[in-house]
Amino acid sequence: SSTDGSTYYADSVKGRFTISGDNAKRTVYLQMNGLKPEDTAIYYCA
């Protein structure tokens, strides 16, 4: 959320992925750790 910074994670990635934003850089990040073969996909931001 841009309003309060609250976050949501799907169960499939909870505890492994972290979302964060840097408004000054106009960039949002997704740190992905502990990657599994089932994480293979095309990743989109919206």
ModelCIF file with pLDDT and N, C-alpha, C, O atoms, coordinates in Angstrom:
data_MODEL
#
_entry.id   MODEL 
#
_entity.id                         1 
_entity.type                       polymer 
_entity.pdbx_number_of_molecules   1 
#
_entity_poly.entity_id                      1 
_entity_poly.type                           'polypeptide(L)' 
_entity_poly.nstd_linkage                   no 
_entity_poly.nstd_monomer                   no 
_entity_poly.pdbx_seq_one_letter_code       SSTDGSTYYADSVKGRFTISGDNAKRTVYLQMNGLKPEDTAIYYCA 
_entity_poly.pdbx_seq_one_letter_code_can   SSTDGSTYYADSVKGRFTISGDNAKRTVYLQMNGLKPEDTAIYYCA 
_entity_poly.pdbx_strand_id                 A 
#
loop_
_entity_poly_seq.entity_id 
_entity_poly_seq.num 
_entity_poly_seq.mon_id 
_entity_poly_seq.hetero 
1 1  SER n 
1 2  SER n 
1 3  THR n 
1 4  ASP n 
1 5  GLY n 
1 6  SER n 
1 7  THR n 
1 8  TYR n 
1 9  TYR n 
1 10 ALA n 
1 11 ASP n 
1 12 SER n 
1 13 VAL n 
1 14 LYS n 
1 15 GLY n 
1 16 ARG n 
1 17 PHE n 
1 18 THR n 
1 19 ILE n 
1 20 SER n 
1 21 GLY n 
1 22 ASP n 
1 23 ASN n 
1 24 ALA n 
1 25 LYS n 
1 26 ARG n 
1 27 THR n 
1 28 VAL n 
1 29 TYR n 
1 30 LEU n 
1 31 GLN n 
1 32 MET n 
1 33 ASN n 
1 34 GLY n 
1 35 LEU n 
1 36 LYS n 
1 37 PRO n 
1 38 GLU n 
1 39 ASP n 
1 40 THR n 
1 41 ALA n 
1 42 ILE n 
1 43 TYR n 
1 44 TYR n 
1 45 CYS n 
1 46 ALA n 
#
_struct_asym.id          A 
_struct_asym.entity_id   1 
#
loop_
_ma_qa_metric.id 
_ma_qa_metric.mode 
_ma_qa_metric.name 
_ma_qa_metric.software_group_id 
_ma_qa_metric.type 
1 global pLDDT . pLDDT 
2 local  pLDDT . pLDDT 
#
_ma_qa_metric_global.metric_id      1 
_ma_qa_metric_global.metric_value   95.78 
_ma_qa_metric_global.model_id       1 
_ma_qa_metric_global.ordinal_id     1 
#
loop_
_ma_qa_metric_local.label_asym_id 
_ma_qa_metric_local.label_comp_id 
_ma_qa_metric_local.label_seq_id 
_ma_qa_metric_local.metric_id 
_ma_qa_metric_local.metric_value 
_ma_qa_metric_local.model_id 
_ma_qa_metric_local.ordinal_id 
A SER 1  2 94.00 1 1  
A SER 2  2 91.00 1 2  
A THR 3  2 89.00 1 3  
A ASP 4  2 90.00 1 4  
A GLY 5  2 91.00 1 5  
A SER 6  2 94.00 1 6  
A THR 7  2 97.00 1 7  
A TYR 8  2 98.00 1 8  
A TYR 9  2 98.00 1 9  
A ALA 10 2 98.00 1 10 
A ASP 11 2 97.00 1 11 
A SER 12 2 97.00 1 12 
A VAL 13 2 98.00 1 13 
A LYS 14 2 98.00 1 14 
A GLY 15 2 98.00 1 15 
A ARG 16 2 98.00 1 16 
A PHE 17 2 98.00 1 17 
A THR 18 2 98.00 1 18 
A ILE 19 2 98.00 1 19 
A SER 20 2 96.00 1 20 
A GLY 21 2 93.00 1 21 
A ASP 22 2 90.00 1 22 
A ASN 23 2 85.00 1 23 
A ALA 24 2 88.00 1 24 
A LYS 25 2 89.00 1 25 
A ARG 26 2 93.00 1 26 
A THR 27 2 95.00 1 27 
A VAL 28 2 96.00 1 28 
A TYR 29 2 98.00 1 29 
A LEU 30 2 98.00 1 30 
A GLN 31 2 98.00 1 31 
A MET 32 2 98.00 1 32 
A ASN 33 2 98.00 1 33 
A GLY 34 2 98.00 1 34 
A LEU 35 2 98.00 1 35 
A LYS 36 2 98.00 1 36 
A PRO 37 2 97.00 1 37 
A GLU 38 2 97.00 1 38 
A ASP 39 2 98.00 1 39 
A THR 40 2 98.00 1 40 
A ALA 41 2 98.00 1 41 
A ILE 42 2 98.00 1 42 
A TYR 43 2 98.00 1 43 
A TYR 44 2 98.00 1 44 
A CYS 45 2 98.00 1 45 
A ALA 46 2 97.00 1 46 
#
loop_
_atom_site.group_PDB 
_atom_site.id 
_atom_site.type_symbol 
_atom_site.label_atom_id 
_atom_site.label_alt_id 
_atom_site.label_comp_id 
_atom_site.label_asym_id 
_atom_site.label_entity_id 
_atom_site.label_seq_id 
_atom_site.pdbx_PDB_ins_code 
_atom_site.Cartn_x 
_atom_site.Cartn_y 
_atom_site.Cartn_z 
_atom_site.occupancy 
_atom_site.B_iso_or_equiv 
_atom_site.pdbx_formal_charge 
_atom_site.auth_seq_id 
_atom_site.auth_comp_id 
_atom_site.auth_asym_id 
_atom_site.auth_atom_id 
_atom_site.pdbx_PDB_model_num 
ATOM 1   N N  . SER A 1 1  ? 0.834  -1.198  0.000   1.00 94.00 ? 1  SER A N  1 
ATOM 2   C CA . SER A 1 1  ? 0.000  0.000   0.000   1.00 94.00 ? 1  SER A CA 1 
ATOM 3   C C  . SER A 1 1  ? 0.875  1.257   0.000   1.00 94.00 ? 1  SER A C  1 
ATOM 4   O O  . SER A 1 1  ? 1.859  1.331   0.736   1.00 94.00 ? 1  SER A O  1 
ATOM 5   N N  . SER A 1 2  ? 0.518  2.232   -0.817  1.00 91.00 ? 2  SER A N  1 
ATOM 6   C CA . SER A 1 2  ? 1.231  3.509   -0.794  1.00 91.00 ? 2  SER A CA 1 
ATOM 7   C C  . SER A 1 2  ? 0.731  4.389   0.335   1.00 91.00 ? 2  SER A C  1 
ATOM 8   O O  . SER A 1 2  ? 1.379  5.372   0.694   1.00 91.00 ? 2  SER A O  1 
ATOM 9   N N  . THR A 1 3  ? -0.428 4.041   0.901   1.00 89.00 ? 3  THR A N  1 
ATOM 10  C CA . THR A 1 3  ? -1.031 4.857   1.955   1.00 89.00 ? 3  THR A CA 1 
ATOM 11  C C  . THR A 1 3  ? -0.366 4.606   3.307   1.00 89.00 ? 3  THR A C  1 
ATOM 12  O O  . THR A 1 3  ? 0.033  5.543   3.999   1.00 89.00 ? 3  THR A O  1 
ATOM 13  N N  . ASP A 1 4  ? -0.254 3.333   3.670   1.00 90.00 ? 4  ASP A N  1 
ATOM 14  C CA . ASP A 1 4  ? 0.272  3.025   5.001   1.00 90.00 ? 4  ASP A CA 1 
ATOM 15  C C  . ASP A 1 4  ? 1.399  2.000   4.993   1.00 90.00 ? 4  ASP A C  1 
ATOM 16  O O  . ASP A 1 4  ? 1.880  1.592   6.050   1.00 90.00 ? 4  ASP A O  1 
ATOM 17  N N  . GLY A 1 5  ? 1.815  1.588   3.809   1.00 91.00 ? 5  GLY A N  1 
ATOM 18  C CA . GLY A 1 5  ? 2.920  0.625   3.724   1.00 91.00 ? 5  GLY A CA 1 
ATOM 19  C C  . GLY A 1 5  ? 2.555  -0.789  4.083   1.00 91.00 ? 5  GLY A C  1 
ATOM 20  O O  . GLY A 1 5  ? 3.432  -1.646  4.199   1.00 91.00 ? 5  GLY A O  1 
ATOM 21  N N  . SER A 1 6  ? 1.272  -1.054  4.262   1.00 94.00 ? 6  SER A N  1 
ATOM 22  C CA . SER A 1 6  ? 0.869  -2.422  4.595   1.00 94.00 ? 6  SER A CA 1 
ATOM 23  C C  . SER A 1 6  ? 1.154  -3.331  3.405   1.00 94.00 ? 6  SER A C  1 
ATOM 24  O O  . SER A 1 6  ? 1.174  -2.898  2.253   1.00 94.00 ? 6  SER A O  1 
ATOM 25  N N  . THR A 1 7  ? 1.372  -4.586  3.720   1.00 97.00 ? 7  THR A N  1 
ATOM 26  C CA . THR A 1 7  ? 1.747  -5.547  2.690   1.00 97.00 ? 7  THR A CA 1 
ATOM 27  C C  . THR A 1 7  ? 0.878  -6.785  2.753   1.00 97.00 ? 7  THR A C  1 
ATOM 28  O O  . THR A 1 7  ? 0.265  -7.092  3.775   1.00 97.00 ? 7  THR A O  1 
ATOM 29  N N  . TYR A 1 8  ? 0.844  -7.474  1.654   1.00 98.00 ? 8  TYR A N  1 
ATOM 30  C CA . TYR A 1 8  ? 0.148  -8.757  1.556   1.00 98.00 ? 8  TYR A CA 1 
ATOM 31  C C  . TYR A 1 8  ? 1.076  -9.717  0.831   1.00 98.00 ? 8  TYR A C  1 
ATOM 32  O O  . TYR A 1 8  ? 1.763  -9.339  -0.117  1.00 98.00 ? 8  TYR A O  1 
ATOM 33  N N  . TYR A 1 9  ? 1.087  -10.955 1.285   1.00 98.00 ? 9  TYR A N  1 
ATOM 34  C CA . TYR A 1 9  ? 1.835  -12.013 0.617   1.00 98.00 ? 9  TYR A CA 1 
ATOM 35  C C  . TYR A 1 9  ? 0.939  -13.223 0.440   1.00 98.00 ? 9  TYR A C  1 
ATOM 36  O O  . TYR A 1 9  ? 0.215  -13.611 1.357   1.00 98.00 ? 9  TYR A O  1 
ATOM 37  N N  . ALA A 1 10 ? 0.990  -13.808 -0.724  1.00 98.00 ? 10 ALA A N  1 
ATOM 38  C CA . ALA A 1 10 ? 0.307  -15.070 -0.942  1.00 98.00 ? 10 ALA A CA 1 
ATOM 39  C C  . ALA A 1 10 ? 0.990  -16.147 -0.112  1.00 98.00 ? 10 ALA A C  1 
ATOM 40  O O  . ALA A 1 10 ? 2.187  -16.064 0.162   1.00 98.00 ? 10 ALA A O  1 
ATOM 41  N N  . ASP A 1 11 ? 0.237  -17.143 0.280   1.00 97.00 ? 11 ASP A N  1 
ATOM 42  C CA . ASP A 1 11 ? 0.800  -18.224 1.097   1.00 97.00 ? 11 ASP A CA 1 
ATOM 43  C C  . ASP A 1 11 ? 1.984  -18.884 0.409   1.00 97.00 ? 11 ASP A C  1 
ATOM 44  O O  . ASP A 1 11 ? 2.913  -19.351 1.068   1.00 97.00 ? 11 ASP A O  1 
ATOM 45  N N  . SER A 1 12 ? 1.949  -18.920 -0.908  1.00 97.00 ? 12 SER A N  1 
ATOM 46  C CA . SER A 1 12 ? 2.998  -19.611 -1.659  1.00 97.00 ? 12 SER A CA 1 
ATOM 47  C C  . SER A 1 12 ? 4.370  -18.946 -1.528  1.00 97.00 ? 12 SER A C  1 
ATOM 48  O O  . SER A 1 12 ? 5.392  -19.581 -1.790  1.00 97.00 ? 12 SER A O  1 
ATOM 49  N N  . VAL A 1 13 ? 4.399  -17.661 -1.120  1.00 98.00 ? 13 VAL A N  1 
ATOM 50  C CA . VAL A 1 13 ? 5.684  -16.946 -1.041  1.00 98.00 ? 13 VAL A CA 1 
ATOM 51  C C  . VAL A 1 13 ? 5.957  -16.380 0.350   1.00 98.00 ? 13 VAL A C  1 
ATOM 52  O O  . VAL A 1 13 ? 7.040  -15.851 0.600   1.00 98.00 ? 13 VAL A O  1 
ATOM 53  N N  . LYS A 1 14 ? 4.997  -16.484 1.247   1.00 98.00 ? 14 LYS A N  1 
ATOM 54  C CA . LYS A 1 14 ? 5.137  -15.888 2.568   1.00 98.00 ? 14 LYS A CA 1 
ATOM 55  C C  . LYS A 1 14 ? 6.361  -16.455 3.283   1.00 98.00 ? 14 LYS A C  1 
ATOM 56  O O  . LYS A 1 14 ? 6.582  -17.665 3.308   1.00 98.00 ? 14 LYS A O  1 
ATOM 57  N N  . GLY A 1 15 ? 7.144  -15.558 3.858   1.00 98.00 ? 15 GLY A N  1 
ATOM 58  C CA . GLY A 1 15 ? 8.351  -15.968 4.565   1.00 98.00 ? 15 GLY A CA 1 
ATOM 59  C C  . GLY A 1 15 ? 9.570  -16.077 3.683   1.00 98.00 ? 15 GLY A C  1 
ATOM 60  O O  . GLY A 1 15 ? 10.684 -16.210 4.189   1.00 98.00 ? 15 GLY A O  1 
ATOM 61  N N  . ARG A 1 16 ? 9.391  -16.024 2.382   1.00 98.00 ? 16 ARG A N  1 
ATOM 62  C CA . ARG A 1 16 ? 10.516 -16.124 1.442   1.00 98.00 ? 16 ARG A CA 1 
ATOM 63  C C  . ARG A 1 16 ? 10.702 -14.853 0.622   1.00 98.00 ? 16 ARG A C  1 
ATOM 64  O O  . ARG A 1 16 ? 11.829 -14.495 0.279   1.00 98.00 ? 16 ARG A O  1 
ATOM 65  N N  . PHE A 1 17 ? 9.613  -14.174 0.307   1.00 98.00 ? 17 PHE A N  1 
ATOM 66  C CA . PHE A 1 17 ? 9.665  -12.969 -0.530  1.00 98.00 ? 17 PHE A CA 1 
ATOM 67  C C  . PHE A 1 17 ? 9.377  -11.744 0.328   1.00 98.00 ? 17 PHE A C  1 
ATOM 68  O O  . PHE A 1 17 ? 8.629  -11.813 1.303   1.00 98.00 ? 17 PHE A O  1 
ATOM 69  N N  . THR A 1 18 ? 9.986  -10.616 -0.053  1.00 98.00 ? 18 THR A N  1 
ATOM 70  C CA . THR A 1 18 ? 9.750  -9.357  0.643   1.00 98.00 ? 18 THR A CA 1 
ATOM 71  C C  . THR A 1 18 ? 9.569  -8.244  -0.376  1.00 98.00 ? 18 THR A C  1 
ATOM 72  O O  . THR A 1 18 ? 10.398 -8.064  -1.268  1.00 98.00 ? 18 THR A O  1 
ATOM 73  N N  . ILE A 1 19 ? 8.479  -7.499  -0.237  1.00 98.00 ? 19 ILE A N  1 
ATOM 74  C CA . ILE A 1 19 ? 8.210  -6.372  -1.117  1.00 98.00 ? 19 ILE A CA 1 
ATOM 75  C C  . ILE A 1 19 ? 8.608  -5.085  -0.398  1.00 98.00 ? 19 ILE A C  1 
ATOM 76  O O  . ILE A 1 19 ? 8.412  -4.950  0.810   1.00 98.00 ? 19 ILE A O  1 
ATOM 77  N N  . SER A 1 20 ? 9.165  -4.151  -1.150  1.00 96.00 ? 20 SER A N  1 
ATOM 78  C CA . SER A 1 20 ? 9.543  -2.865  -0.574  1.00 96.00 ? 20 SER A CA 1 
ATOM 79  C C  . SER A 1 20 ? 9.524  -1.813  -1.668  1.00 96.00 ? 20 SER A C  1 
ATOM 80  O O  . SER A 1 20 ? 9.552  -2.129  -2.857  1.00 96.00 ? 20 SER A O  1 
ATOM 81  N N  . GLY A 1 21 ? 9.476  -0.562  -1.248  1.00 93.00 ? 21 GLY A N  1 
ATOM 82  C CA . GLY A 1 21 ? 9.422  0.515   -2.224  1.00 93.00 ? 21 GLY A CA 1 
ATOM 83  C C  . GLY A 1 21 ? 10.361 1.641   -1.881  1.00 93.00 ? 21 GLY A C  1 
ATOM 84  O O  . GLY A 1 21 ? 10.672 1.875   -0.713  1.00 93.00 ? 21 GLY A O  1 
ATOM 85  N N  . ASP A 1 22 ? 10.807 2.330   -2.890  1.00 90.00 ? 22 ASP A N  1 
ATOM 86  C CA . ASP A 1 22 ? 11.646 3.517   -2.731  1.00 90.00 ? 22 ASP A CA 1 
ATOM 87  C C  . ASP A 1 22 ? 11.028 4.595   -3.607  1.00 90.00 ? 22 ASP A C  1 
ATOM 88  O O  . ASP A 1 22 ? 11.306 4.662   -4.804  1.00 90.00 ? 22 ASP A O  1 
ATOM 89  N N  . ASN A 1 23 ? 10.184 5.445   -3.008  1.00 85.00 ? 23 ASN A N  1 
ATOM 90  C CA . ASN A 1 23 ? 9.475  6.441   -3.799  1.00 85.00 ? 23 ASN A CA 1 
ATOM 91  C C  . ASN A 1 23 ? 10.430 7.441   -4.436  1.00 85.00 ? 23 ASN A C  1 
ATOM 92  O O  . ASN A 1 23 ? 10.161 7.946   -5.526  1.00 85.00 ? 23 ASN A O  1 
ATOM 93  N N  . ALA A 1 24 ? 11.540 7.729   -3.768  1.00 88.00 ? 24 ALA A N  1 
ATOM 94  C CA . ALA A 1 24 ? 12.507 8.663   -4.342  1.00 88.00 ? 24 ALA A CA 1 
ATOM 95  C C  . ALA A 1 24 ? 13.076 8.132   -5.650  1.00 88.00 ? 24 ALA A C  1 
ATOM 96  O O  . ALA A 1 24 ? 13.353 8.893   -6.577  1.00 88.00 ? 24 ALA A O  1 
ATOM 97  N N  . LYS A 1 25 ? 13.246 6.818   -5.710  1.00 89.00 ? 25 LYS A N  1 
ATOM 98  C CA . LYS A 1 25 ? 13.756 6.177   -6.933  1.00 89.00 ? 25 LYS A CA 1 
ATOM 99  C C  . LYS A 1 25 ? 12.624 5.712   -7.829  1.00 89.00 ? 25 LYS A C  1 
ATOM 100 O O  . LYS A 1 25 ? 12.858 5.190   -8.920  1.00 89.00 ? 25 LYS A O  1 
ATOM 101 N N  . ARG A 1 26 ? 11.386 5.904   -7.363  1.00 93.00 ? 26 ARG A N  1 
ATOM 102 C CA . ARG A 1 26 ? 10.218 5.495   -8.144  1.00 93.00 ? 26 ARG A CA 1 
ATOM 103 C C  . ARG A 1 26 ? 10.301 4.010   -8.500  1.00 93.00 ? 26 ARG A C  1 
ATOM 104 O O  . ARG A 1 26 ? 9.987  3.611   -9.621  1.00 93.00 ? 26 ARG A O  1 
ATOM 105 N N  . THR A 1 27 ? 10.718 3.220   -7.553  1.00 95.00 ? 27 THR A N  1 
ATOM 106 C CA . THR A 1 27 ? 10.952 1.797   -7.807  1.00 95.00 ? 27 THR A CA 1 
ATOM 107 C C  . THR A 1 27 ? 10.402 0.963   -6.663  1.00 95.00 ? 27 THR A C  1 
ATOM 108 O O  . THR A 1 27 ? 10.512 1.329   -5.493  1.00 95.00 ? 27 THR A O  1 
ATOM 109 N N  . VAL A 1 28 ? 9.813  -0.156  -7.023  1.00 96.00 ? 28 VAL A N  1 
ATOM 110 C CA . VAL A 1 28 ? 9.367  -1.138  -6.041  1.00 96.00 ? 28 VAL A CA 1 
ATOM 111 C C  . VAL A 1 28 ? 10.148 -2.414  -6.292  1.00 96.00 ? 28 VAL A C  1 
ATOM 112 O O  . VAL A 1 28 ? 10.395 -2.800  -7.435  1.00 96.00 ? 28 VAL A O  1 
ATOM 113 N N  . TYR A 1 29 ? 10.533 -3.064  -5.194  1.00 98.00 ? 29 TYR A N  1 
ATOM 114 C CA . TYR A 1 29 ? 11.384 -4.248  -5.290  1.00 98.00 ? 29 TYR A CA 1 
ATOM 115 C C  . TYR A 1 29 ? 10.649 -5.479  -4.780  1.00 98.00 ? 29 TYR A C  1 
ATOM 116 O O  . TYR A 1 29 ? 9.715  -5.386  -3.983  1.00 98.00 ? 29 TYR A O  1 
ATOM 117 N N  . LEU A 1 30 ? 11.092 -6.622  -5.258  1.00 98.00 ? 30 LEU A N  1 
ATOM 118 C CA . LEU A 1 30 ? 10.647 -7.895  -4.706  1.00 98.00 ? 30 LEU A CA 1 
ATOM 119 C C  . LEU A 1 30 ? 11.892 -8.738  -4.470  1.00 98.00 ? 30 LEU A C  1 
ATOM 120 O O  . LEU A 1 30 ? 12.499 -9.256  -5.407  1.00 98.00 ? 30 LEU A O  1 
ATOM 121 N N  . GLN A 1 31 ? 12.256 -8.864  -3.202  1.00 98.00 ? 31 GLN A N  1 
ATOM 122 C CA . GLN A 1 31 ? 13.383 -9.716  -2.824  1.00 98.00 ? 31 GLN A CA 1 
ATOM 123 C C  . GLN A 1 31 ? 12.880 -11.132 -2.688  1.00 98.00 ? 31 GLN A C  1 
ATOM 124 O O  . GLN A 1 31 ? 11.959 -11.401 -1.916  1.00 98.00 ? 31 GLN A O  1 
ATOM 125 N N  . MET A 1 32 ? 13.479 -12.035 -3.431  1.00 98.00 ? 32 MET A N  1 
ATOM 126 C CA . MET A 1 32 ? 13.026 -13.422 -3.448  1.00 98.00 ? 32 MET A CA 1 
ATOM 127 C C  . MET A 1 32 ? 14.158 -14.311 -2.958  1.00 98.00 ? 32 MET A C  1 
ATOM 128 O O  . MET A 1 32 ? 15.207 -14.406 -3.594  1.00 98.00 ? 32 MET A O  1 
ATOM 129 N N  . ASN A 1 33 ? 13.936 -14.958 -1.827  1.00 98.00 ? 33 ASN A N  1 
ATOM 130 C CA . ASN A 1 33 ? 14.908 -15.869 -1.245  1.00 98.00 ? 33 ASN A CA 1 
ATOM 131 C C  . ASN A 1 33 ? 14.336 -17.284 -1.220  1.00 98.00 ? 33 ASN A C  1 
ATOM 132 O O  . ASN A 1 33 ? 13.125 -17.477 -1.326  1.00 98.00 ? 33 ASN A O  1 
ATOM 133 N N  . GLY A 1 34 ? 15.204 -18.252 -1.080  1.00 98.00 ? 34 GLY A N  1 
ATOM 134 C CA . GLY A 1 34 ? 14.741 -19.631 -0.988  1.00 98.00 ? 34 GLY A CA 1 
ATOM 135 C C  . GLY A 1 34 ? 13.924 -20.053 -2.192  1.00 98.00 ? 34 GLY A C  1 
ATOM 136 O O  . GLY A 1 34 ? 12.888 -20.704 -2.055  1.00 98.00 ? 34 GLY A O  1 
ATOM 137 N N  . LEU A 1 35 ? 14.391 -19.681 -3.370  1.00 98.00 ? 35 LEU A N  1 
ATOM 138 C CA . LEU A 1 35 ? 13.600 -19.944 -4.581  1.00 98.00 ? 35 LEU A CA 1 
ATOM 139 C C  . LEU A 1 35 ? 13.452 -21.434 -4.843  1.00 98.00 ? 35 LEU A C  1 
ATOM 140 O O  . LEU A 1 35 ? 14.360 -22.226 -4.590  1.00 98.00 ? 35 LEU A O  1 
ATOM 141 N N  . LYS A 1 36 ? 12.289 -21.789 -5.353  1.00 98.00 ? 36 LYS A N  1 
ATOM 142 C CA . LYS A 1 36 ? 11.944 -23.175 -5.648  1.00 98.00 ? 36 LYS A CA 1 
ATOM 143 C C  . LYS A 1 36 ? 11.610 -23.302 -7.132  1.00 98.00 ? 36 LYS A C  1 
ATOM 144 O O  . LYS A 1 36 ? 11.251 -22.307 -7.763  1.00 98.00 ? 36 LYS A O  1 
ATOM 145 N N  . PRO A 1 37 ? 11.720 -24.485 -7.698  1.00 97.00 ? 37 PRO A N  1 
ATOM 146 C CA . PRO A 1 37 ? 11.350 -24.653 -9.113  1.00 97.00 ? 37 PRO A CA 1 
ATOM 147 C C  . PRO A 1 37 ? 9.925  -24.176 -9.409  1.00 97.00 ? 37 PRO A C  1 
ATOM 148 O O  . PRO A 1 37 ? 9.648  -23.680 -10.502 1.00 97.00 ? 37 PRO A O  1 
ATOM 149 N N  . GLU A 1 38 ? 9.035  -24.323 -8.446  1.00 97.00 ? 38 GLU A N  1 
ATOM 150 C CA . GLU A 1 38 ? 7.652  -23.892 -8.679  1.00 97.00 ? 38 GLU A CA 1 
ATOM 151 C C  . GLU A 1 38 ? 7.491  -22.372 -8.692  1.00 97.00 ? 38 GLU A C  1 
ATOM 152 O O  . GLU A 1 38 ? 6.402  -21.873 -8.975  1.00 97.00 ? 38 GLU A O  1 
ATOM 153 N N  . ASP A 1 39 ? 8.547  -21.639 -8.394  1.00 98.00 ? 39 ASP A N  1 
ATOM 154 C CA . ASP A 1 39 ? 8.517  -20.182 -8.531  1.00 98.00 ? 39 ASP A CA 1 
ATOM 155 C C  . ASP A 1 39 ? 8.781  -19.744 -9.970  1.00 98.00 ? 39 ASP A C  1 
ATOM 156 O O  . ASP A 1 39 ? 8.664  -18.561 -10.290 1.00 98.00 ? 39 ASP A O  1 
ATOM 157 N N  . THR A 1 40 ? 9.131  -20.674 -10.823 1.00 98.00 ? 40 THR A N  1 
ATOM 158 C CA . THR A 1 40 ? 9.389  -20.350 -12.223 1.00 98.00 ? 40 THR A CA 1 
ATOM 159 C C  . THR A 1 40 ? 8.143  -19.772 -12.874 1.00 98.00 ? 40 THR A C  1 
ATOM 160 O O  . THR A 1 40 ? 7.080  -20.391 -12.867 1.00 98.00 ? 40 THR A O  1 
ATOM 161 N N  . ALA A 1 41 ? 8.287  -18.578 -13.437 1.00 98.00 ? 41 ALA A N  1 
ATOM 162 C CA . ALA A 1 41 ? 7.142  -17.870 -14.029 1.00 98.00 ? 41 ALA A CA 1 
ATOM 163 C C  . ALA A 1 41 ? 7.631  -16.569 -14.630 1.00 98.00 ? 41 ALA A C  1 
ATOM 164 O O  . ALA A 1 41 ? 8.783  -16.173 -14.451 1.00 98.00 ? 41 ALA A O  1 
ATOM 165 N N  . ILE A 1 42 ? 6.736  -15.916 -15.343 1.00 98.00 ? 42 ILE A N  1 
ATOM 166 C CA . ILE A 1 42 ? 6.964  -14.522 -15.728 1.00 98.00 ? 42 ILE A CA 1 
ATOM 167 C C  . ILE A 1 42 ? 6.384  -13.664 -14.599 1.00 98.00 ? 42 ILE A C  1 
ATOM 168 O O  . ILE A 1 42 ? 5.243  -13.850 -14.174 1.00 98.00 ? 42 ILE A O  1 
ATOM 169 N N  . TYR A 1 43 ? 7.187  -12.739 -14.137 1.00 98.00 ? 43 TYR A N  1 
ATOM 170 C CA . TYR A 1 43 ? 6.787  -11.872 -13.028 1.00 98.00 ? 43 TYR A CA 1 
ATOM 171 C C  . TYR A 1 43 ? 6.454  -10.479 -13.558 1.00 98.00 ? 43 TYR A C  1 
ATOM 172 O O  . TYR A 1 43 ? 7.218  -9.883  -14.318 1.00 98.00 ? 43 TYR A O  1 
ATOM 173 N N  . TYR A 1 44 ? 5.306  -9.984  -13.143 1.00 98.00 ? 44 TYR A N  1 
ATOM 174 C CA . TYR A 1 44 ? 4.821  -8.682  -13.576 1.00 98.00 ? 44 TYR A CA 1 
ATOM 175 C C  . TYR A 1 44 ? 4.604  -7.788  -12.354 1.00 98.00 ? 44 TYR A C  1 
ATOM 176 O O  . TYR A 1 44 ? 4.274  -8.265  -11.269 1.00 98.00 ? 44 TYR A O  1 
ATOM 177 N N  . CYS A 1 45 ? 4.795  -6.494  -12.553 1.00 98.00 ? 45 CYS A N  1 
ATOM 178 C CA . CYS A 1 45 ? 4.346  -5.554  -11.533 1.00 98.00 ? 45 CYS A CA 1 
ATOM 179 C C  . CYS A 1 45 ? 3.177  -4.751  -12.097 1.00 98.00 ? 45 CYS A C  1 
ATOM 180 O O  . CYS A 1 45 ? 3.032  -4.590  -13.309 1.00 98.00 ? 45 CYS A O  1 
ATOM 181 N N  . ALA A 1 46 ? 2.355  -4.254  -11.183 1.00 97.00 ? 46 ALA A N  1 
ATOM 182 C CA . ALA A 1 46 ? 1.186  -3.482  -11.571 1.00 97.00 ? 46 ALA A CA 1 
ATOM 183 C C  . ALA A 1 46 ? 0.979  -2.353  -10.577 1.00 97.00 ? 46 ALA A C  1 
ATOM 184 O O  . ALA A 1 46 ? 0.038  -1.571  -10.718 1.00 97.00 ? 46 ALA A O  1 
#
